[in-house]
């Protein structure tokens, strides 16, 4: 299952990832997660409000069940990132591995519209077969935004953008 693979790739550094992010952004009260997949289910903090956005209804059904079962304050929104109204604000917005699939002009438009203090964007640094990419950094992305901090893990690079 694709969702299991997406979660599996971060399993070994999941807690470390969020601890490092929050050491930079501060511990948020609310998170907005674009293209969330099953990330909310494996998110290590249960006391943070979590707004999960994805276009996959089946994934969101699982996330919603998880929120209800674990009494997590959150909501799911079934929408594509390009069709989101951006009125919902958050302290931190996650956009893990979603921008490689958008036109670069759309990426800039989306980033400008996000109502969050910080945006954390990630990109894969390895191919599907596990080989290291020749250019794991996204120079095109680095040119269109002001990067606050970069976190690197063996298979993914995370750009932290400070909007405040």
N, C-alpha and C. Protein backbone atom coordinates (compact mmCIF):
# COMPACT_ATOMS: atom_id res chain seq x y z
N UNK A 1 0.84 -1.19 0.00
CA UNK A 1 0.00 0.00 0.00
C UNK A 1 0.88 1.25 0.00
N UNK A 2 0.58 2.21 -0.85
CA UNK A 2 1.38 3.40 -1.02
C UNK A 2 1.51 4.21 0.27
N UNK A 3 0.41 4.35 1.02
CA UNK A 3 0.45 5.14 2.26
C UNK A 3 1.43 4.54 3.26
N UNK A 4 1.45 3.22 3.35
CA UNK A 4 2.38 2.56 4.27
C UNK A 4 3.81 2.87 3.89
N UNK A 5 4.10 2.88 2.61
CA UNK A 5 5.45 3.18 2.15
C UNK A 5 5.83 4.62 2.51
N UNK A 6 4.91 5.54 2.33
CA UNK A 6 5.18 6.94 2.63
C UNK A 6 5.51 7.13 4.10
N UNK A 7 4.80 6.44 4.96
CA UNK A 7 5.04 6.54 6.39
C UNK A 7 6.30 5.77 6.77
N UNK A 8 6.51 4.64 6.16
CA UNK A 8 7.66 3.79 6.45
C UNK A 8 8.98 4.53 6.23
N UNK A 9 9.02 5.36 5.20
CA UNK A 9 10.27 6.05 4.88
C UNK A 9 10.70 7.04 5.96
N UNK A 10 9.78 7.52 6.79
CA UNK A 10 10.10 8.45 7.87
C UNK A 10 10.08 7.79 9.23
N UNK A 11 9.74 6.55 9.30
CA UNK A 11 9.55 5.85 10.58
C UNK A 11 10.77 5.95 11.49
N UNK A 12 11.96 5.77 10.94
CA UNK A 12 13.16 5.74 11.78
C UNK A 12 13.55 7.11 12.34
N UNK A 13 13.04 8.20 11.75
CA UNK A 13 13.39 9.52 12.28
C UNK A 13 12.15 10.39 12.54
N UNK A 14 10.99 9.79 12.64
CA UNK A 14 9.74 10.52 12.79
C UNK A 14 9.75 11.47 13.99
N UNK A 15 10.03 10.96 15.18
CA UNK A 15 10.03 11.81 16.38
C UNK A 15 11.12 12.88 16.31
N UNK A 16 12.31 12.47 15.85
CA UNK A 16 13.42 13.41 15.72
C UNK A 16 13.06 14.54 14.75
N UNK A 17 12.40 14.20 13.66
CA UNK A 17 11.99 15.20 12.67
C UNK A 17 11.12 16.28 13.31
N UNK A 18 10.06 15.87 13.98
CA UNK A 18 9.14 16.85 14.57
C UNK A 18 9.80 17.62 15.72
N UNK A 19 10.63 16.96 16.49
CA UNK A 19 11.35 17.66 17.56
C UNK A 19 12.26 18.75 16.98
N UNK A 20 12.94 18.44 15.87
CA UNK A 20 13.81 19.43 15.24
C UNK A 20 13.00 20.57 14.64
N UNK A 21 11.90 20.24 13.99
CA UNK A 21 11.05 21.28 13.41
C UNK A 21 10.58 22.22 14.51
N UNK A 22 10.06 21.65 15.60
CA UNK A 22 9.49 22.48 16.66
C UNK A 22 10.55 23.21 17.47
N UNK A 23 11.79 22.74 17.43
CA UNK A 23 12.86 23.51 18.09
C UNK A 23 13.13 24.80 17.32
N UNK A 24 12.74 24.84 16.06
CA UNK A 24 12.91 26.03 15.21
C UNK A 24 11.64 26.88 15.23
N UNK A 25 10.49 26.25 15.09
CA UNK A 25 9.22 26.98 14.96
C UNK A 25 8.55 27.28 16.30
N UNK A 26 8.97 26.58 17.33
CA UNK A 26 8.23 26.61 18.58
C UNK A 26 7.12 25.57 18.49
N UNK A 27 6.66 25.11 19.64
CA UNK A 27 5.61 24.09 19.64
C UNK A 27 4.27 24.73 19.23
N UNK A 28 3.69 24.26 18.14
CA UNK A 28 2.47 24.88 17.65
C UNK A 28 1.22 24.45 18.43
N UNK A 29 0.20 25.28 18.32
CA UNK A 29 -1.11 24.92 18.86
C UNK A 29 -1.96 24.28 17.76
N UNK A 30 -1.67 24.70 16.49
CA UNK A 30 -2.45 24.20 15.36
C UNK A 30 -1.54 23.95 14.17
N UNK A 31 -1.80 22.81 13.50
CA UNK A 31 -1.05 22.42 12.30
C UNK A 31 -2.01 22.27 11.14
N UNK A 32 -1.57 22.72 9.98
CA UNK A 32 -2.28 22.50 8.73
C UNK A 32 -1.37 21.64 7.89
N UNK A 33 -1.88 20.52 7.39
CA UNK A 33 -1.05 19.57 6.66
C UNK A 33 -1.63 19.34 5.26
N UNK A 34 -0.96 19.90 4.23
CA UNK A 34 -1.38 19.73 2.85
C UNK A 34 -0.86 18.41 2.30
N UNK A 35 -1.75 17.64 1.66
CA UNK A 35 -1.35 16.35 1.12
C UNK A 35 -0.92 15.43 2.24
N UNK A 36 -1.70 15.42 3.31
CA UNK A 36 -1.30 14.79 4.57
C UNK A 36 -1.07 13.28 4.49
N UNK A 37 -1.77 12.58 3.61
CA UNK A 37 -1.67 11.13 3.63
C UNK A 37 -1.97 10.63 5.03
N UNK A 38 -1.19 9.69 5.50
CA UNK A 38 -1.39 9.16 6.85
C UNK A 38 -0.49 9.81 7.89
N UNK A 39 0.16 10.92 7.55
CA UNK A 39 1.02 11.62 8.51
C UNK A 39 0.33 11.89 9.85
N UNK A 40 -0.93 12.32 9.87
CA UNK A 40 -1.56 12.60 11.17
C UNK A 40 -1.63 11.39 12.09
N UNK A 41 -1.73 10.21 11.52
CA UNK A 41 -1.82 8.99 12.32
C UNK A 41 -0.49 8.69 13.01
N UNK A 42 0.60 9.09 12.40
CA UNK A 42 1.93 8.82 12.94
C UNK A 42 2.57 10.05 13.57
N UNK A 43 1.80 11.12 13.68
CA UNK A 43 2.28 12.34 14.32
C UNK A 43 2.41 12.07 15.82
N UNK A 44 3.58 12.33 16.43
CA UNK A 44 3.81 11.88 17.80
C UNK A 44 3.14 12.70 18.90
N UNK A 45 2.55 13.84 18.57
CA UNK A 45 1.92 14.68 19.59
C UNK A 45 0.41 14.64 19.42
N UNK A 46 -0.29 14.37 20.50
CA UNK A 46 -1.75 14.26 20.42
C UNK A 46 -2.48 15.48 20.96
N UNK A 47 -1.74 16.44 21.47
CA UNK A 47 -2.36 17.61 22.08
C UNK A 47 -2.33 18.84 21.18
N UNK A 48 -2.01 18.66 19.91
CA UNK A 48 -1.95 19.75 18.95
C UNK A 48 -3.10 19.60 17.96
N UNK A 49 -3.85 20.67 17.75
CA UNK A 49 -4.95 20.62 16.78
C UNK A 49 -4.36 20.37 15.40
N UNK A 50 -5.00 19.50 14.64
CA UNK A 50 -4.44 19.04 13.37
C UNK A 50 -5.50 19.14 12.27
N UNK A 51 -5.23 19.98 11.28
CA UNK A 51 -6.10 20.12 10.11
C UNK A 51 -5.44 19.36 8.97
N UNK A 52 -6.08 18.29 8.53
CA UNK A 52 -5.52 17.39 7.52
C UNK A 52 -6.22 17.58 6.18
N UNK A 53 -5.47 17.94 5.16
CA UNK A 53 -6.02 18.16 3.82
C UNK A 53 -5.42 17.16 2.85
N UNK A 54 -6.27 16.47 2.13
CA UNK A 54 -5.80 15.51 1.12
C UNK A 54 -6.93 15.33 0.11
N UNK A 55 -6.57 14.89 -1.09
CA UNK A 55 -7.61 14.63 -2.08
C UNK A 55 -8.06 13.17 -2.09
N UNK A 56 -7.42 12.34 -1.28
CA UNK A 56 -7.76 10.92 -1.19
C UNK A 56 -8.78 10.68 -0.06
N UNK A 57 -10.02 10.41 -0.43
CA UNK A 57 -11.10 10.24 0.54
C UNK A 57 -10.87 9.05 1.48
N UNK A 58 -10.31 7.99 0.98
CA UNK A 58 -10.06 6.79 1.81
C UNK A 58 -9.04 7.08 2.90
N UNK A 59 -7.99 7.79 2.55
CA UNK A 59 -6.98 8.17 3.53
C UNK A 59 -7.59 9.07 4.59
N UNK A 60 -8.38 10.04 4.16
CA UNK A 60 -9.01 10.96 5.11
C UNK A 60 -10.00 10.26 6.03
N UNK A 61 -10.64 9.24 5.53
CA UNK A 61 -11.56 8.44 6.35
C UNK A 61 -10.79 7.79 7.51
N UNK A 62 -9.62 7.26 7.22
CA UNK A 62 -8.77 6.64 8.26
C UNK A 62 -8.28 7.69 9.26
N UNK A 63 -7.89 8.85 8.74
CA UNK A 63 -7.41 9.93 9.61
C UNK A 63 -8.54 10.40 10.54
N UNK A 64 -9.72 10.56 9.99
CA UNK A 64 -10.86 11.00 10.79
C UNK A 64 -11.19 9.99 11.89
N UNK A 65 -11.16 8.72 11.55
CA UNK A 65 -11.38 7.66 12.56
C UNK A 65 -10.32 7.72 13.65
N UNK A 66 -9.09 7.94 13.25
CA UNK A 66 -7.99 8.03 14.21
C UNK A 66 -8.19 9.22 15.15
N UNK A 67 -8.55 10.37 14.60
CA UNK A 67 -8.81 11.55 15.42
C UNK A 67 -9.91 11.26 16.45
N UNK A 68 -10.99 10.65 15.99
CA UNK A 68 -12.12 10.37 16.87
C UNK A 68 -11.74 9.38 17.96
N UNK A 69 -11.09 8.30 17.57
CA UNK A 69 -10.70 7.25 18.52
C UNK A 69 -9.75 7.78 19.59
N UNK A 70 -8.85 8.67 19.20
CA UNK A 70 -7.82 9.17 20.12
C UNK A 70 -8.14 10.56 20.69
N UNK A 71 -9.36 11.02 20.44
CA UNK A 71 -9.84 12.31 20.97
C UNK A 71 -8.89 13.47 20.61
N UNK A 72 -8.47 13.47 19.37
CA UNK A 72 -7.58 14.51 18.87
C UNK A 72 -8.44 15.62 18.25
N UNK A 73 -8.15 16.84 18.66
CA UNK A 73 -8.87 17.97 18.08
C UNK A 73 -8.32 18.18 16.67
N UNK A 74 -9.17 18.00 15.71
CA UNK A 74 -8.73 18.14 14.34
C UNK A 74 -9.87 18.00 13.37
N UNK A 75 -9.56 18.20 12.11
CA UNK A 75 -10.56 18.04 11.06
C UNK A 75 -9.87 17.57 9.80
N UNK A 76 -10.66 16.97 8.93
CA UNK A 76 -10.15 16.54 7.63
C UNK A 76 -10.87 17.32 6.55
N UNK A 77 -10.14 17.67 5.52
CA UNK A 77 -10.69 18.42 4.40
C UNK A 77 -10.31 17.69 3.12
N UNK A 78 -11.32 17.29 2.36
CA UNK A 78 -11.10 16.58 1.11
C UNK A 78 -11.04 17.59 -0.04
N UNK A 79 -9.80 17.98 -0.36
CA UNK A 79 -9.62 18.98 -1.40
C UNK A 79 -8.19 18.92 -1.91
N UNK A 80 -8.03 19.27 -3.14
CA UNK A 80 -6.72 19.43 -3.73
C UNK A 80 -6.13 20.76 -3.25
N UNK A 81 -4.85 20.82 -3.08
CA UNK A 81 -4.20 22.03 -2.58
C UNK A 81 -4.49 23.26 -3.45
N UNK A 82 -4.65 23.06 -4.73
CA UNK A 82 -4.92 24.19 -5.63
C UNK A 82 -6.35 24.71 -5.50
N UNK A 83 -7.23 23.93 -4.87
CA UNK A 83 -8.62 24.33 -4.70
C UNK A 83 -8.96 24.65 -3.24
N UNK A 84 -7.97 24.85 -2.43
CA UNK A 84 -8.17 25.19 -1.02
C UNK A 84 -8.39 26.69 -0.90
N UNK A 85 -9.26 27.12 0.02
CA UNK A 85 -9.57 28.55 0.10
C UNK A 85 -8.60 29.34 0.99
N UNK A 86 -7.74 28.68 1.73
CA UNK A 86 -6.66 29.29 2.52
C UNK A 86 -7.13 30.22 3.63
N UNK A 87 -8.40 30.14 4.00
CA UNK A 87 -8.88 30.95 5.12
C UNK A 87 -8.46 30.38 6.46
N UNK A 88 -8.27 29.08 6.50
CA UNK A 88 -7.86 28.43 7.74
C UNK A 88 -6.40 28.74 8.00
N UNK A 89 -6.12 29.22 9.19
CA UNK A 89 -4.75 29.54 9.55
C UNK A 89 -4.20 28.51 10.53
N UNK A 90 -2.89 28.52 10.69
CA UNK A 90 -2.22 27.59 11.60
C UNK A 90 -0.88 28.20 12.02
N UNK A 91 -0.32 27.64 13.06
CA UNK A 91 1.02 28.06 13.48
C UNK A 91 2.07 27.51 12.52
N UNK A 92 1.88 26.23 12.15
CA UNK A 92 2.82 25.56 11.25
C UNK A 92 2.02 24.84 10.17
N UNK A 93 2.50 24.94 8.95
CA UNK A 93 1.88 24.23 7.82
C UNK A 93 2.91 23.25 7.27
N UNK A 94 2.48 21.99 7.11
CA UNK A 94 3.33 20.97 6.49
C UNK A 94 2.92 20.81 5.03
N UNK A 95 3.89 20.70 4.15
CA UNK A 95 3.67 20.37 2.75
C UNK A 95 4.77 19.38 2.37
N UNK A 96 4.61 18.15 2.86
CA UNK A 96 5.63 17.13 2.65
C UNK A 96 5.43 16.45 1.30
N UNK A 97 6.43 16.58 0.45
CA UNK A 97 6.47 15.93 -0.86
C UNK A 97 5.26 16.23 -1.73
N UNK A 98 4.76 17.44 -1.69
CA UNK A 98 3.62 17.79 -2.55
C UNK A 98 4.01 18.73 -3.69
N UNK A 99 5.07 19.50 -3.56
CA UNK A 99 5.36 20.53 -4.54
C UNK A 99 6.08 20.03 -5.79
N UNK A 100 6.64 18.84 -5.77
CA UNK A 100 7.24 18.29 -6.98
C UNK A 100 6.17 17.99 -8.03
N UNK A 101 4.92 17.90 -7.59
CA UNK A 101 3.82 17.53 -8.49
C UNK A 101 3.07 18.74 -9.03
N UNK A 102 3.48 19.94 -8.64
CA UNK A 102 2.81 21.15 -9.09
C UNK A 102 3.70 21.95 -10.03
N UNK A 103 3.08 22.74 -10.87
CA UNK A 103 3.80 23.69 -11.69
C UNK A 103 4.49 24.68 -10.76
N UNK A 104 5.67 25.10 -11.09
CA UNK A 104 6.45 25.99 -10.20
C UNK A 104 5.75 27.32 -9.93
N UNK A 105 5.02 27.83 -10.89
CA UNK A 105 4.24 29.07 -10.65
C UNK A 105 3.16 28.81 -9.61
N UNK A 106 2.52 27.64 -9.68
CA UNK A 106 1.49 27.29 -8.70
C UNK A 106 2.09 27.15 -7.30
N UNK A 107 3.30 26.63 -7.21
CA UNK A 107 3.97 26.49 -5.91
C UNK A 107 4.10 27.85 -5.26
N UNK A 108 4.59 28.83 -5.99
CA UNK A 108 4.76 30.18 -5.45
C UNK A 108 3.42 30.78 -5.03
N UNK A 109 2.39 30.59 -5.84
CA UNK A 109 1.05 31.11 -5.50
C UNK A 109 0.52 30.48 -4.22
N UNK A 110 0.69 29.16 -4.10
CA UNK A 110 0.22 28.45 -2.91
C UNK A 110 0.98 28.94 -1.68
N UNK A 111 2.30 29.02 -1.78
CA UNK A 111 3.11 29.46 -0.64
C UNK A 111 2.71 30.86 -0.17
N UNK A 112 2.44 31.74 -1.11
CA UNK A 112 2.04 33.11 -0.76
C UNK A 112 0.69 33.15 -0.06
N UNK A 113 -0.20 32.21 -0.37
CA UNK A 113 -1.55 32.20 0.19
C UNK A 113 -1.65 31.51 1.55
N UNK A 114 -0.70 30.67 1.88
CA UNK A 114 -0.77 29.90 3.13
C UNK A 114 -0.76 30.84 4.32
N UNK A 115 -1.72 30.64 5.20
CA UNK A 115 -1.89 31.47 6.38
C UNK A 115 -1.28 30.73 7.58
N UNK A 116 0.04 30.81 7.72
CA UNK A 116 0.75 30.13 8.80
C UNK A 116 2.01 30.92 9.13
N UNK A 117 2.47 30.79 10.37
CA UNK A 117 3.70 31.44 10.78
C UNK A 117 4.92 30.79 10.12
N UNK A 118 4.86 29.47 10.01
CA UNK A 118 5.95 28.70 9.39
C UNK A 118 5.35 27.70 8.41
N UNK A 119 6.10 27.45 7.34
CA UNK A 119 5.74 26.41 6.39
C UNK A 119 6.93 25.46 6.30
N UNK A 120 6.66 24.18 6.41
CA UNK A 120 7.71 23.17 6.30
C UNK A 120 7.42 22.36 5.03
N UNK A 121 8.33 22.46 4.08
CA UNK A 121 8.19 21.81 2.77
C UNK A 121 9.26 20.75 2.65
N UNK A 122 8.88 19.57 2.15
CA UNK A 122 9.91 18.54 1.97
C UNK A 122 9.91 18.03 0.54
N UNK A 123 11.07 17.47 0.19
CA UNK A 123 11.27 16.84 -1.11
C UNK A 123 12.08 15.57 -0.89
N UNK A 124 11.84 14.57 -1.71
CA UNK A 124 12.61 13.33 -1.66
C UNK A 124 14.04 13.60 -2.10
N UNK A 125 14.99 12.89 -1.50
CA UNK A 125 16.39 12.98 -1.94
C UNK A 125 16.88 11.65 -2.51
N UNK A 126 15.96 10.68 -2.54
CA UNK A 126 16.28 9.37 -3.13
C UNK A 126 15.17 9.00 -4.10
N UNK A 127 15.55 8.21 -5.10
CA UNK A 127 14.56 7.75 -6.06
C UNK A 127 13.71 6.65 -5.44
N UNK A 128 12.69 6.22 -6.15
CA UNK A 128 11.81 5.15 -5.67
C UNK A 128 12.61 3.87 -5.39
N UNK A 129 13.66 3.64 -6.15
CA UNK A 129 14.48 2.44 -5.96
C UNK A 129 15.50 2.60 -4.84
N UNK A 130 15.57 3.80 -4.23
CA UNK A 130 16.47 4.01 -3.11
C UNK A 130 17.81 4.64 -3.46
N UNK A 131 18.03 4.90 -4.74
CA UNK A 131 19.29 5.53 -5.15
C UNK A 131 19.25 7.02 -4.85
N UNK A 132 20.39 7.55 -4.45
CA UNK A 132 20.50 8.98 -4.15
C UNK A 132 20.33 9.79 -5.43
N UNK A 133 19.53 10.84 -5.36
CA UNK A 133 19.32 11.70 -6.53
C UNK A 133 20.58 12.52 -6.79
N UNK A 134 20.84 12.82 -8.05
CA UNK A 134 22.00 13.62 -8.42
C UNK A 134 21.94 15.02 -7.83
N UNK A 135 20.76 15.60 -7.80
CA UNK A 135 20.54 16.94 -7.25
C UNK A 135 19.44 16.86 -6.20
N UNK A 136 19.76 16.44 -4.98
CA UNK A 136 18.71 16.30 -3.97
C UNK A 136 18.11 17.64 -3.52
N UNK A 137 18.89 18.72 -3.61
CA UNK A 137 18.35 20.05 -3.29
C UNK A 137 17.47 20.50 -4.44
N UNK A 138 16.48 21.31 -4.12
CA UNK A 138 15.62 21.89 -5.16
C UNK A 138 15.99 23.36 -5.32
N UNK A 139 16.97 23.59 -6.18
CA UNK A 139 17.46 24.96 -6.37
C UNK A 139 16.37 25.89 -6.89
N UNK A 140 15.48 25.35 -7.73
CA UNK A 140 14.37 26.17 -8.23
C UNK A 140 13.50 26.65 -7.06
N UNK A 141 13.33 25.78 -6.07
CA UNK A 141 12.51 26.13 -4.90
C UNK A 141 13.24 27.15 -4.04
N UNK A 142 14.53 26.95 -3.85
CA UNK A 142 15.33 27.86 -3.04
C UNK A 142 15.36 29.27 -3.63
N UNK A 143 15.17 29.38 -4.94
CA UNK A 143 15.17 30.69 -5.60
C UNK A 143 13.86 31.45 -5.42
N UNK A 144 12.76 30.74 -5.19
CA UNK A 144 11.47 31.44 -5.15
C UNK A 144 11.01 31.79 -3.73
N UNK A 145 11.69 31.27 -2.70
CA UNK A 145 11.31 31.59 -1.31
C UNK A 145 12.55 31.91 -0.49
N UNK A 146 12.32 32.57 0.62
CA UNK A 146 13.41 32.82 1.55
C UNK A 146 13.42 31.67 2.56
N UNK A 147 14.45 30.87 2.53
CA UNK A 147 14.57 29.70 3.40
C UNK A 147 15.09 30.15 4.76
N UNK A 148 14.40 29.75 5.80
CA UNK A 148 14.81 30.07 7.17
C UNK A 148 15.81 29.03 7.69
N UNK A 149 15.52 27.76 7.43
CA UNK A 149 16.37 26.67 7.92
C UNK A 149 16.17 25.45 7.02
N UNK A 150 17.19 24.62 6.92
CA UNK A 150 17.12 23.38 6.15
C UNK A 150 17.47 22.21 7.07
N UNK A 151 16.64 21.18 7.02
CA UNK A 151 16.91 19.94 7.76
C UNK A 151 17.11 18.84 6.73
N UNK A 152 18.14 18.05 6.93
CA UNK A 152 18.42 16.96 5.99
C UNK A 152 18.38 15.62 6.71
N UNK A 153 17.69 14.70 6.10
CA UNK A 153 17.69 13.32 6.56
C UNK A 153 18.11 12.47 5.37
N UNK A 154 18.39 11.20 5.58
CA UNK A 154 19.00 10.41 4.51
C UNK A 154 18.14 10.29 3.26
N UNK A 155 16.83 10.47 3.35
CA UNK A 155 15.99 10.29 2.17
C UNK A 155 15.07 11.48 1.87
N UNK A 156 15.22 12.55 2.64
CA UNK A 156 14.31 13.68 2.48
C UNK A 156 14.98 14.96 2.96
N UNK A 157 14.69 16.06 2.27
CA UNK A 157 15.19 17.37 2.68
C UNK A 157 13.98 18.22 3.06
N UNK A 158 14.09 18.96 4.16
CA UNK A 158 13.00 19.78 4.67
C UNK A 158 13.43 21.23 4.69
N UNK A 159 12.64 22.07 4.04
CA UNK A 159 12.87 23.51 4.03
C UNK A 159 11.88 24.16 4.99
N UNK A 160 12.37 24.96 5.90
CA UNK A 160 11.50 25.68 6.82
C UNK A 160 11.48 27.14 6.40
N UNK A 161 10.27 27.62 6.16
CA UNK A 161 10.06 28.99 5.72
C UNK A 161 9.35 29.72 6.84
N UNK A 162 9.87 30.87 7.20
CA UNK A 162 9.29 31.69 8.26
C UNK A 162 8.49 32.80 7.60
N UNK A 163 7.18 32.83 7.87
CA UNK A 163 6.31 33.83 7.24
C UNK A 163 6.04 35.02 8.15
N UNK A 164 6.36 34.90 9.44
CA UNK A 164 6.07 35.99 10.37
C UNK A 164 7.17 37.02 10.38
